[in-house]
C-alpha cells in the first residue's frame, strides 16, 4: 500500500442542510465524513465569518487535516463527490453553498495542473482558511518556506494597516 499523504482541507457552509441543519452542523458532519473516508488527523474549532463576494449569509468554517493515499487530482475528485453528496450544485461563483471543500496544502509541496493549484492560490488572503489551518498545523511550511503561523501573522498585519 502507498504511503499516505497528509492534506489540509478548508471546510465551509452558509446554507442549511435538511439532515445536518444549520451551517455549523453541516461543517461538523463534513468533518465526520472526512474522518470516515480518509482518517482524520486533526480538525480546527468552528469559526463564523461574513460571506465574501455577495454569497449571502455568514459562513461556518473550519479546517481539517486528513491522511489519504490519493494523489491530489484524485483527492480533489473525492472532495467534489462529498460536496455533491451534501447537496452542492454547480452554480454561480460566490453564491451560497451547502458545503465547500478546498485543498489548502499537502505534504508533497507544490502541485499545479489545469484544474488544481496547491497550496491554494488565495490562502494568504483568506482568514477563514488560514486561521483554522494555523490553529491545527502552525508549523506546517505552506509557501516559500513560511509556516501557517507566519502567514497568519502577516495576514493580521495587513488587516491592521490603515
N, C-alpha and C. Protein backbone atom coordinates (compact mmCIF):
# COMPACT_ATOMS: atom_id res chain seq x y z
N UNK A 1 0.84 -1.19 0.00
CA UNK A 1 0.00 0.00 0.00
C UNK A 1 0.88 1.25 0.00
N UNK A 2 0.43 2.26 -0.73
CA UNK A 2 1.17 3.51 -0.80
C UNK A 2 1.19 4.22 0.54
N UNK A 3 2.27 4.92 0.80
CA UNK A 3 2.38 5.75 1.99
C UNK A 3 1.33 6.87 1.91
N UNK A 4 0.55 7.09 2.95
CA UNK A 4 -0.47 8.13 2.88
C UNK A 4 0.14 9.54 2.86
N UNK A 5 -0.58 10.42 2.20
CA UNK A 5 -0.24 11.85 2.19
C UNK A 5 -1.06 12.54 3.27
N UNK A 6 -0.55 13.65 3.73
CA UNK A 6 -1.29 14.49 4.66
C UNK A 6 -1.82 15.69 3.88
N UNK A 7 -3.12 15.94 3.99
CA UNK A 7 -3.78 17.05 3.30
C UNK A 7 -4.42 17.99 4.30
N UNK A 8 -4.36 19.29 3.99
CA UNK A 8 -5.11 20.31 4.74
C UNK A 8 -6.30 20.71 3.88
N UNK A 9 -7.48 20.65 4.46
CA UNK A 9 -8.72 20.91 3.74
C UNK A 9 -9.51 22.00 4.45
N UNK A 10 -9.93 23.01 3.69
CA UNK A 10 -10.83 24.04 4.22
C UNK A 10 -12.26 23.56 4.06
N UNK A 11 -13.08 23.82 5.06
CA UNK A 11 -14.48 23.40 5.07
C UNK A 11 -15.33 24.63 5.31
N UNK A 12 -16.35 24.83 4.48
CA UNK A 12 -17.23 25.98 4.67
C UNK A 12 -18.66 25.65 4.29
N UNK A 13 -19.59 26.35 4.94
CA UNK A 13 -21.01 26.21 4.64
C UNK A 13 -21.73 27.50 5.02
N UNK A 14 -22.70 27.91 4.18
CA UNK A 14 -23.56 29.02 4.59
C UNK A 14 -25.02 28.79 4.18
N UNK A 15 -25.35 27.54 3.95
CA UNK A 15 -26.75 27.16 3.69
C UNK A 15 -27.11 25.98 4.56
N UNK A 16 -28.32 25.95 5.09
CA UNK A 16 -28.73 24.80 5.90
C UNK A 16 -28.91 23.55 5.04
N UNK A 17 -28.83 22.42 5.70
CA UNK A 17 -28.99 21.12 5.06
C UNK A 17 -30.16 20.42 5.75
N UNK A 18 -30.95 19.68 4.98
CA UNK A 18 -32.13 19.01 5.53
C UNK A 18 -31.83 18.10 6.69
N UNK A 19 -30.73 17.38 6.66
CA UNK A 19 -30.41 16.42 7.73
C UNK A 19 -29.45 17.00 8.76
N UNK A 20 -28.50 17.83 8.33
CA UNK A 20 -27.45 18.32 9.23
C UNK A 20 -27.76 19.69 9.84
N UNK A 21 -28.83 20.32 9.38
CA UNK A 21 -29.25 21.58 9.98
C UNK A 21 -28.47 22.78 9.49
N UNK A 22 -28.23 23.68 10.41
CA UNK A 22 -27.55 24.95 10.11
C UNK A 22 -26.12 24.70 9.63
N UNK A 23 -25.50 25.75 9.05
CA UNK A 23 -24.13 25.59 8.53
C UNK A 23 -23.13 24.99 9.53
N UNK A 24 -23.23 25.34 10.79
CA UNK A 24 -22.31 24.76 11.78
C UNK A 24 -22.48 23.24 11.84
N UNK A 25 -23.71 22.76 11.74
CA UNK A 25 -23.96 21.32 11.72
C UNK A 25 -23.45 20.67 10.45
N UNK A 26 -23.54 21.39 9.33
CA UNK A 26 -23.01 20.89 8.06
C UNK A 26 -21.50 20.71 8.15
N UNK A 27 -20.82 21.70 8.72
CA UNK A 27 -19.36 21.61 8.86
C UNK A 27 -18.98 20.43 9.76
N UNK A 28 -19.69 20.28 10.87
CA UNK A 28 -19.42 19.14 11.77
C UNK A 28 -19.64 17.81 11.05
N UNK A 29 -20.71 17.72 10.26
CA UNK A 29 -20.98 16.49 9.51
C UNK A 29 -19.91 16.25 8.45
N UNK A 30 -19.42 17.32 7.83
CA UNK A 30 -18.35 17.18 6.83
C UNK A 30 -17.07 16.67 7.47
N UNK A 31 -16.74 17.17 8.66
CA UNK A 31 -15.55 16.67 9.38
C UNK A 31 -15.71 15.18 9.65
N UNK A 32 -16.90 14.77 10.08
CA UNK A 32 -17.15 13.35 10.34
C UNK A 32 -17.01 12.52 9.07
N UNK A 33 -17.48 13.05 7.94
CA UNK A 33 -17.37 12.33 6.68
C UNK A 33 -15.92 12.23 6.23
N UNK A 34 -15.14 13.29 6.41
CA UNK A 34 -13.71 13.23 6.08
C UNK A 34 -13.03 12.16 6.93
N UNK A 35 -13.39 12.09 8.20
CA UNK A 35 -12.83 11.07 9.09
C UNK A 35 -13.20 9.67 8.61
N UNK A 36 -14.46 9.50 8.21
CA UNK A 36 -14.93 8.19 7.75
C UNK A 36 -14.20 7.76 6.48
N UNK A 37 -13.99 8.68 5.57
CA UNK A 37 -13.40 8.32 4.28
C UNK A 37 -11.88 8.25 4.27
N UNK A 38 -11.25 9.11 5.05
CA UNK A 38 -9.80 9.25 4.91
C UNK A 38 -9.01 8.97 6.17
N UNK A 39 -9.50 9.27 7.29
CA UNK A 39 -8.73 9.19 8.52
C UNK A 39 -8.35 10.58 8.95
N UNK A 40 -9.10 11.10 9.89
CA UNK A 40 -8.90 12.46 10.37
C UNK A 40 -7.67 12.52 11.25
N UNK A 41 -6.79 13.42 10.94
CA UNK A 41 -5.59 13.64 11.73
C UNK A 41 -5.87 14.71 12.78
N UNK A 42 -6.59 15.77 12.39
CA UNK A 42 -6.96 16.85 13.31
C UNK A 42 -8.00 17.72 12.64
N UNK A 43 -8.76 18.47 13.43
CA UNK A 43 -9.73 19.44 12.91
C UNK A 43 -9.73 20.66 13.81
N UNK A 44 -9.93 21.81 13.21
CA UNK A 44 -9.94 23.07 13.95
C UNK A 44 -11.31 23.30 14.58
N UNK A 45 -11.36 24.22 15.53
CA UNK A 45 -12.67 24.67 16.01
C UNK A 45 -13.40 25.41 14.88
N UNK A 46 -14.67 25.53 15.02
CA UNK A 46 -15.52 26.22 14.07
C UNK A 46 -15.36 27.74 14.19
N UNK A 47 -15.37 28.42 13.06
CA UNK A 47 -15.36 29.89 13.02
C UNK A 47 -16.60 30.34 12.25
N UNK A 48 -17.18 31.47 12.64
CA UNK A 48 -18.27 32.08 11.88
C UNK A 48 -17.69 33.34 11.25
N UNK A 49 -17.87 33.47 9.92
CA UNK A 49 -17.27 34.56 9.16
C UNK A 49 -18.28 35.18 8.21
N UNK A 50 -18.14 36.48 7.95
CA UNK A 50 -19.01 37.11 6.96
C UNK A 50 -18.76 36.52 5.58
N UNK A 51 -19.81 36.40 4.79
CA UNK A 51 -19.69 35.89 3.42
C UNK A 51 -18.91 36.88 2.56
N UNK A 52 -18.13 36.35 1.63
CA UNK A 52 -17.35 37.18 0.71
C UNK A 52 -18.05 37.23 -0.64
N UNK A 53 -17.90 38.37 -1.33
CA UNK A 53 -18.34 38.46 -2.71
C UNK A 53 -19.83 38.31 -2.93
N UNK A 54 -20.66 38.67 -1.97
CA UNK A 54 -22.09 38.58 -2.18
C UNK A 54 -22.68 37.20 -2.04
N UNK A 55 -22.03 36.32 -1.28
CA UNK A 55 -22.52 34.95 -1.12
C UNK A 55 -23.67 34.85 -0.13
N UNK A 56 -24.10 35.98 0.44
CA UNK A 56 -25.28 35.93 1.31
C UNK A 56 -24.96 35.79 2.77
N UNK A 57 -25.50 34.75 3.38
CA UNK A 57 -25.38 34.50 4.82
C UNK A 57 -23.94 34.28 5.25
N UNK A 58 -23.72 34.47 6.56
CA UNK A 58 -22.40 34.18 7.13
C UNK A 58 -22.04 32.72 6.92
N UNK A 59 -20.74 32.47 6.88
CA UNK A 59 -20.22 31.12 6.70
C UNK A 59 -19.78 30.54 8.03
N UNK A 60 -19.96 29.25 8.17
CA UNK A 60 -19.31 28.46 9.22
C UNK A 60 -18.09 27.83 8.53
N UNK A 61 -16.91 28.00 9.12
CA UNK A 61 -15.67 27.50 8.52
C UNK A 61 -14.85 26.72 9.53
N UNK A 62 -14.06 25.79 9.01
CA UNK A 62 -13.09 25.04 9.80
C UNK A 62 -12.03 24.53 8.83
N UNK A 63 -11.02 23.91 9.38
CA UNK A 63 -10.00 23.23 8.58
C UNK A 63 -9.78 21.85 9.18
N UNK A 64 -9.43 20.91 8.32
CA UNK A 64 -9.16 19.55 8.77
C UNK A 64 -7.88 19.05 8.12
N UNK A 65 -7.19 18.20 8.84
CA UNK A 65 -6.02 17.50 8.31
C UNK A 65 -6.42 16.04 8.19
N UNK A 66 -6.24 15.50 6.99
CA UNK A 66 -6.59 14.10 6.77
C UNK A 66 -5.43 13.38 6.10
N UNK A 67 -5.40 12.06 6.29
CA UNK A 67 -4.41 11.21 5.62
C UNK A 67 -5.12 10.42 4.53
N UNK A 68 -4.45 10.35 3.36
CA UNK A 68 -5.02 9.58 2.26
C UNK A 68 -3.90 9.15 1.32
N UNK A 69 -4.01 7.96 0.73
CA UNK A 69 -3.04 7.54 -0.26
C UNK A 69 -3.27 8.19 -1.63
N UNK A 70 -4.38 8.93 -1.78
CA UNK A 70 -4.72 9.54 -3.06
C UNK A 70 -3.73 10.64 -3.44
N UNK A 71 -3.48 10.75 -4.73
CA UNK A 71 -2.71 11.88 -5.26
C UNK A 71 -3.67 13.07 -5.38
N UNK A 72 -3.14 14.30 -5.48
CA UNK A 72 -4.01 15.49 -5.46
C UNK A 72 -5.20 15.48 -6.42
N UNK A 73 -5.06 15.11 -7.71
CA UNK A 73 -6.25 15.14 -8.57
C UNK A 73 -7.35 14.19 -8.09
N UNK A 74 -6.98 13.02 -7.62
CA UNK A 74 -7.96 12.07 -7.10
C UNK A 74 -8.56 12.58 -5.79
N UNK A 75 -7.77 13.24 -4.97
CA UNK A 75 -8.28 13.81 -3.72
C UNK A 75 -9.29 14.91 -4.03
N UNK A 76 -8.99 15.76 -5.01
CA UNK A 76 -9.93 16.80 -5.39
C UNK A 76 -11.25 16.19 -5.87
N UNK A 77 -11.19 15.16 -6.68
CA UNK A 77 -12.41 14.48 -7.14
C UNK A 77 -13.21 13.92 -5.96
N UNK A 78 -12.51 13.34 -4.99
CA UNK A 78 -13.18 12.79 -3.81
C UNK A 78 -13.88 13.90 -3.01
N UNK A 79 -13.23 15.05 -2.88
CA UNK A 79 -13.85 16.16 -2.15
C UNK A 79 -15.07 16.70 -2.89
N UNK A 80 -14.98 16.78 -4.21
CA UNK A 80 -16.13 17.25 -5.01
C UNK A 80 -17.30 16.26 -4.90
N UNK A 81 -16.98 14.99 -4.80
CA UNK A 81 -18.02 13.98 -4.61
C UNK A 81 -18.73 14.17 -3.27
N UNK A 82 -17.97 14.45 -2.22
CA UNK A 82 -18.57 14.71 -0.90
C UNK A 82 -19.48 15.94 -0.99
N UNK A 83 -19.01 17.00 -1.64
CA UNK A 83 -19.85 18.20 -1.80
C UNK A 83 -21.18 17.85 -2.47
N UNK A 84 -21.12 17.07 -3.55
CA UNK A 84 -22.36 16.68 -4.24
C UNK A 84 -23.27 15.86 -3.34
N UNK A 85 -22.69 14.96 -2.55
CA UNK A 85 -23.49 14.15 -1.64
C UNK A 85 -24.18 15.00 -0.57
N UNK A 86 -23.59 16.13 -0.24
CA UNK A 86 -24.19 17.05 0.71
C UNK A 86 -25.18 18.00 0.04
N UNK A 87 -25.34 17.87 -1.27
CA UNK A 87 -26.34 18.67 -1.98
C UNK A 87 -25.80 19.88 -2.72
N UNK A 88 -24.51 20.00 -2.82
CA UNK A 88 -23.97 21.14 -3.56
C UNK A 88 -24.20 20.95 -5.06
N UNK A 89 -24.66 22.02 -5.69
CA UNK A 89 -24.88 22.03 -7.13
C UNK A 89 -24.02 23.11 -7.74
N UNK A 90 -23.57 22.85 -8.95
CA UNK A 90 -22.79 23.87 -9.65
C UNK A 90 -23.67 25.10 -9.83
N UNK A 91 -23.10 26.25 -9.60
CA UNK A 91 -23.85 27.50 -9.75
C UNK A 91 -22.90 28.64 -9.97
N UNK A 92 -23.42 29.81 -9.78
CA UNK A 92 -22.57 30.98 -10.00
C UNK A 92 -21.51 31.08 -8.90
N UNK A 93 -20.39 31.66 -9.28
CA UNK A 93 -19.28 31.84 -8.35
C UNK A 93 -19.71 32.77 -7.23
N UNK A 94 -19.23 32.52 -6.02
CA UNK A 94 -19.51 33.33 -4.83
C UNK A 94 -20.96 33.22 -4.37
N UNK A 95 -21.64 32.16 -4.75
CA UNK A 95 -23.02 32.01 -4.30
C UNK A 95 -23.05 31.22 -2.99
N UNK A 96 -24.23 31.24 -2.36
CA UNK A 96 -24.42 30.45 -1.14
C UNK A 96 -24.22 28.97 -1.48
N UNK A 97 -23.70 28.21 -0.51
CA UNK A 97 -23.48 26.78 -0.77
C UNK A 97 -23.65 25.98 0.51
N UNK A 98 -24.15 24.78 0.32
CA UNK A 98 -24.32 23.87 1.45
C UNK A 98 -22.96 23.46 1.99
N UNK A 99 -22.04 23.10 1.09
CA UNK A 99 -20.72 22.65 1.54
C UNK A 99 -19.67 23.02 0.50
N UNK A 100 -18.57 23.55 0.98
CA UNK A 100 -17.43 23.90 0.14
C UNK A 100 -16.19 23.27 0.77
N UNK A 101 -15.51 22.42 0.02
CA UNK A 101 -14.28 21.78 0.48
C UNK A 101 -13.16 22.19 -0.47
N UNK A 102 -12.10 22.77 0.07
CA UNK A 102 -10.96 23.20 -0.73
C UNK A 102 -9.68 22.58 -0.22
N UNK A 103 -8.84 22.13 -1.15
CA UNK A 103 -7.49 21.66 -0.79
C UNK A 103 -6.62 22.87 -0.53
N UNK A 104 -6.11 22.99 0.67
CA UNK A 104 -5.24 24.11 1.02
C UNK A 104 -3.78 23.78 0.78
N UNK A 105 -3.37 22.60 1.21
CA UNK A 105 -1.96 22.20 1.13
C UNK A 105 -1.89 20.68 1.24
N UNK A 106 -0.74 20.16 0.89
CA UNK A 106 -0.48 18.73 1.10
C UNK A 106 1.00 18.56 1.38
N UNK A 107 1.38 17.40 1.89
CA UNK A 107 2.77 17.19 2.29
C UNK A 107 3.72 17.03 1.11
N UNK A 108 3.22 17.05 -0.10
CA UNK A 108 4.06 16.93 -1.29
C UNK A 108 4.55 18.25 -1.85
N UNK A 109 4.23 19.36 -1.18
CA UNK A 109 4.69 20.67 -1.64
C UNK A 109 3.77 21.27 -2.68
N UNK A 110 4.37 21.79 -3.73
CA UNK A 110 3.58 22.46 -4.78
C UNK A 110 2.99 21.43 -5.75
N UNK A 111 1.81 21.76 -6.25
CA UNK A 111 1.16 20.97 -7.30
C UNK A 111 0.46 21.96 -8.22
N UNK A 112 0.65 21.78 -9.50
CA UNK A 112 -0.02 22.66 -10.45
C UNK A 112 -0.49 21.85 -11.64
N UNK A 113 -1.77 21.98 -11.94
CA UNK A 113 -2.35 21.39 -13.14
C UNK A 113 -3.40 22.36 -13.65
N UNK A 114 -4.06 22.00 -14.72
CA UNK A 114 -5.08 22.87 -15.30
C UNK A 114 -6.23 23.10 -14.32
N UNK A 115 -6.53 22.13 -13.48
CA UNK A 115 -7.69 22.20 -12.59
C UNK A 115 -7.37 22.35 -11.10
N UNK A 116 -6.09 22.34 -10.75
CA UNK A 116 -5.74 22.34 -9.32
C UNK A 116 -4.39 23.00 -9.09
N UNK A 117 -4.35 23.89 -8.10
CA UNK A 117 -3.11 24.52 -7.66
C UNK A 117 -3.02 24.34 -6.15
N UNK A 118 -1.92 23.77 -5.69
CA UNK A 118 -1.64 23.60 -4.26
C UNK A 118 -0.25 24.15 -3.99
N UNK A 119 -0.08 24.97 -2.95
CA UNK A 119 -1.05 25.46 -1.98
C UNK A 119 -2.13 26.31 -2.66
N UNK A 120 -3.26 26.40 -1.98
CA UNK A 120 -4.39 27.16 -2.52
C UNK A 120 -3.90 28.56 -2.87
N UNK A 121 -4.20 29.05 -4.08
CA UNK A 121 -3.64 30.33 -4.54
C UNK A 121 -4.02 31.54 -3.69
N UNK A 122 -5.14 31.51 -3.00
CA UNK A 122 -5.56 32.68 -2.21
C UNK A 122 -5.54 32.41 -0.70
N UNK A 123 -4.81 31.40 -0.30
CA UNK A 123 -4.76 31.04 1.12
C UNK A 123 -4.34 32.21 1.99
N UNK A 124 -3.30 32.93 1.59
CA UNK A 124 -2.79 34.02 2.42
C UNK A 124 -3.74 35.20 2.54
N UNK A 125 -4.74 35.28 1.66
CA UNK A 125 -5.69 36.40 1.66
C UNK A 125 -6.96 36.08 2.42
N UNK A 126 -7.15 34.85 2.81
CA UNK A 126 -8.43 34.42 3.35
C UNK A 126 -8.31 33.94 4.80
N UNK A 127 -8.65 34.82 5.73
CA UNK A 127 -8.55 34.42 7.14
C UNK A 127 -9.38 33.19 7.48
N UNK A 128 -10.51 33.00 6.82
CA UNK A 128 -11.37 31.85 7.11
C UNK A 128 -10.73 30.54 6.69
N UNK A 129 -9.68 30.58 5.88
CA UNK A 129 -8.90 29.39 5.53
C UNK A 129 -7.63 29.31 6.37
N UNK A 130 -6.92 30.42 6.41
CA UNK A 130 -5.59 30.45 7.03
C UNK A 130 -5.61 30.32 8.55
N UNK A 131 -6.52 31.00 9.21
CA UNK A 131 -6.53 30.95 10.68
C UNK A 131 -6.86 29.56 11.23
N UNK A 132 -7.87 28.86 10.69
CA UNK A 132 -8.09 27.50 11.18
C UNK A 132 -6.89 26.58 10.89
N UNK A 133 -6.27 26.74 9.72
CA UNK A 133 -5.09 25.93 9.39
C UNK A 133 -3.96 26.21 10.38
N UNK A 134 -3.72 27.49 10.65
CA UNK A 134 -2.65 27.85 11.59
C UNK A 134 -2.95 27.31 12.99
N UNK A 135 -4.21 27.17 13.31
CA UNK A 135 -4.58 26.63 14.63
C UNK A 135 -4.26 25.16 14.79
N UNK A 136 -4.34 24.39 13.71
CA UNK A 136 -4.10 22.94 13.83
C UNK A 136 -2.74 22.51 13.29
N UNK A 137 -2.12 23.34 12.45
CA UNK A 137 -0.82 22.98 11.87
C UNK A 137 0.07 24.23 11.79
N UNK A 138 0.36 24.84 12.94
CA UNK A 138 1.07 26.12 12.93
C UNK A 138 2.46 26.06 12.30
N UNK A 139 3.11 24.93 12.38
CA UNK A 139 4.49 24.83 11.88
C UNK A 139 4.60 24.26 10.47
N UNK A 140 3.47 23.92 9.86
CA UNK A 140 3.49 23.37 8.52
C UNK A 140 3.98 24.44 7.55
N UNK A 141 5.03 24.14 6.83
CA UNK A 141 5.57 25.06 5.83
C UNK A 141 4.64 25.05 4.63
N UNK A 142 3.96 26.15 4.39
CA UNK A 142 2.92 26.20 3.38
C UNK A 142 3.44 26.73 2.05
N UNK A 143 4.11 27.88 2.11
CA UNK A 143 4.56 28.50 0.86
C UNK A 143 5.86 29.26 1.11
N UNK A 144 6.80 29.07 0.20
CA UNK A 144 8.08 29.79 0.24
C UNK A 144 8.78 29.68 1.59
N UNK A 145 8.68 28.52 2.21
CA UNK A 145 9.35 28.28 3.48
C UNK A 145 8.64 28.87 4.68
N UNK A 146 7.51 29.53 4.48
CA UNK A 146 6.79 30.15 5.58
C UNK A 146 5.75 29.19 6.14
N UNK A 147 5.63 29.20 7.46
CA UNK A 147 4.67 28.32 8.13
C UNK A 147 3.27 28.94 8.12
N UNK A 148 2.29 28.13 8.41
CA UNK A 148 0.92 28.63 8.51
C UNK A 148 0.83 29.73 9.56
N UNK A 149 1.52 29.58 10.68
CA UNK A 149 1.52 30.61 11.73
C UNK A 149 2.13 31.91 11.21
N UNK A 150 3.24 31.83 10.49
CA UNK A 150 3.87 33.04 9.95
C UNK A 150 2.96 33.74 8.94
N UNK A 151 2.32 32.96 8.08
CA UNK A 151 1.40 33.56 7.11
C UNK A 151 0.21 34.21 7.81
N UNK A 152 -0.28 33.58 8.87
CA UNK A 152 -1.39 34.15 9.63
C UNK A 152 -0.97 35.46 10.30
N UNK A 153 0.26 35.53 10.81
CA UNK A 153 0.76 36.77 11.41
C UNK A 153 0.85 37.88 10.37
N UNK A 154 1.28 37.55 9.18
CA UNK A 154 1.33 38.53 8.09
C UNK A 154 -0.08 39.01 7.74
N UNK A 155 -1.02 38.11 7.72
CA UNK A 155 -2.40 38.46 7.42
C UNK A 155 -2.90 39.46 8.46
N UNK A 156 -2.60 39.22 9.72
CA UNK A 156 -3.02 40.12 10.78
C UNK A 156 -2.41 41.50 10.63
N UNK A 157 -1.16 41.58 10.20
CA UNK A 157 -0.51 42.88 10.00
C UNK A 157 -1.15 43.62 8.84
N UNK A 158 -1.47 42.90 7.75
CA UNK A 158 -2.10 43.56 6.60
C UNK A 158 -3.48 44.09 6.96
N UNK A 159 -4.20 43.37 7.80
CA UNK A 159 -5.56 43.77 8.17
C UNK A 159 -5.57 44.98 9.09
N UNK A 160 -4.47 45.21 9.85
CA UNK A 160 -4.42 46.34 10.78
C UNK A 160 -3.98 47.64 10.12
N UNK A 161 -3.40 47.58 8.92
CA UNK A 161 -2.92 48.79 8.26
C UNK A 161 -4.09 49.70 7.91
N UNK A 162 -3.89 51.05 8.06
CA UNK A 162 -4.97 52.00 7.74
C UNK A 162 -5.24 52.07 6.26
